[in-house]
Protein backbone atom coordinates (compact mmCIF):
# COMPACT_ATOMS: atom_id res chain seq x y z
CA ALA A 1 8.64 0.81 -15.15
CA LEU A 2 6.50 3.21 -13.19
CA SER A 3 9.31 5.17 -11.61
CA GLN A 4 11.22 5.49 -14.89
CA ASN A 5 8.49 7.40 -16.73
CA GLY A 6 7.89 9.99 -14.02
CA THR A 7 4.74 8.45 -12.58
CA ASN A 8 4.03 9.52 -9.00
CA ILE A 9 3.78 6.13 -7.30
CA ASP A 10 2.15 7.80 -4.28
CA ALA A 11 -0.45 9.86 -6.17
CA MET A 12 -3.58 10.29 -4.06
CA THR A 13 -7.28 10.42 -4.77
CA ASN A 14 -9.34 13.31 -3.41
CA GLY A 15 -9.84 11.18 -0.29
CA GLY A 16 -6.13 10.65 0.17
CA SER A 17 -5.97 6.99 -0.88
CA THR A 18 -3.06 5.70 -2.93
CA ALA A 19 -2.63 2.74 -5.26
CA PHE A 20 -0.95 0.91 -2.37
CA VAL A 21 -4.02 1.46 -0.16
CA PHE A 22 -6.39 0.23 -2.88
CA ALA A 23 -4.23 -2.81 -3.71
CA SER A 24 -4.07 -3.69 -0.01
CA MET A 25 -7.78 -3.10 0.54
CA PHE A 26 -8.74 -5.45 -2.31
CA GLY A 27 -6.04 -8.06 -1.57
CA HIS A 28 -4.13 -7.68 -4.83
CA LEU A 29 -0.92 -9.25 -3.56
CA SER A 30 1.08 -9.01 -6.79
CA ILE A 31 0.28 -5.30 -7.07
CA VAL A 32 1.22 -4.75 -3.42
CA HIS A 33 4.59 -6.39 -4.13
CA ALA A 34 5.14 -4.34 -7.30
CA LEU A 35 4.30 -1.06 -5.57
CA VAL A 36 6.63 -1.83 -2.66
CA ASP A 37 9.39 -2.78 -5.12
CA HIS A 38 8.95 0.61 -6.80
CA GLY A 39 9.17 2.55 -3.55
CA ALA A 40 5.53 3.22 -2.71
CA SER A 41 4.89 4.77 0.68
CA ILE A 42 3.50 2.06 2.93
CA GLU A 43 2.62 4.39 5.82
CA GLN A 44 0.33 6.79 3.92
CA SER A 45 -3.09 7.24 5.48
CA ASP A 46 -6.21 8.60 3.85
CA MET A 47 -8.22 11.60 5.03
CA TYR A 48 -9.92 9.38 7.63
CA GLY A 49 -6.61 8.15 9.05
CA LYS A 50 -6.94 4.67 7.55
CA THR A 51 -3.76 3.03 6.30
CA ALA A 52 -3.21 0.18 3.87
CA LEU A 53 -2.66 -2.12 6.83
CA THR A 54 -5.97 -1.22 8.48
CA MET A 55 -7.85 -1.60 5.19
CA ALA A 56 -6.25 -4.99 4.46
CA ALA A 57 -7.06 -6.21 7.98
CA LYS A 58 -10.64 -4.92 7.80
CA ASN A 59 -11.17 -6.85 4.57
CA LYS A 60 -9.45 -9.98 5.93
CA HIS A 61 -6.55 -9.98 3.47
CA VAL A 62 -4.19 -11.86 5.75
CA GLU A 63 -1.44 -12.17 3.13
CA VAL A 64 -1.27 -8.40 2.70
CA VAL A 65 -1.24 -7.85 6.47
CA SER A 66 1.59 -10.39 6.80
CA ILE A 67 3.65 -8.68 4.08
CA ARG A 68 3.10 -5.31 5.68
CA ARG A 69 4.20 -6.59 9.08
CA MET A 70 7.28 -8.20 7.54
CA ILE A 71 8.23 -4.94 5.80
CA ARG A 72 7.80 -3.02 9.05
CA PHE A 73 9.97 -5.58 10.88
CA LEU A 74 12.72 -5.42 8.23
CA ASP A 75 12.75 -1.61 8.32
CA GLN A 76 13.62 -1.59 12.03
C-alpha cells in the first residue's frame, strides 16, 4: 500500500497539484476513492488556488464532485 512504503500521498508538482487533484480533474473515480482511503488531503489547492473540487466541477465530473461533497458532509 502507498502509505506503508513511505510514499508521500500528498506530494505536489511544481504547480502545487497532487495526485488527488489530478485524479479528480480527469474523473478517475477509483483513484479518487483509493487516495481518500489512504488519507490524501482533499482540501489542498494548487498555486492558483484551485482545489480538486473546482477542477472536477470545471471538467464536469459529477461523480467526483458528489463524493467530495459527501466527504465534506461526513467530516462535519
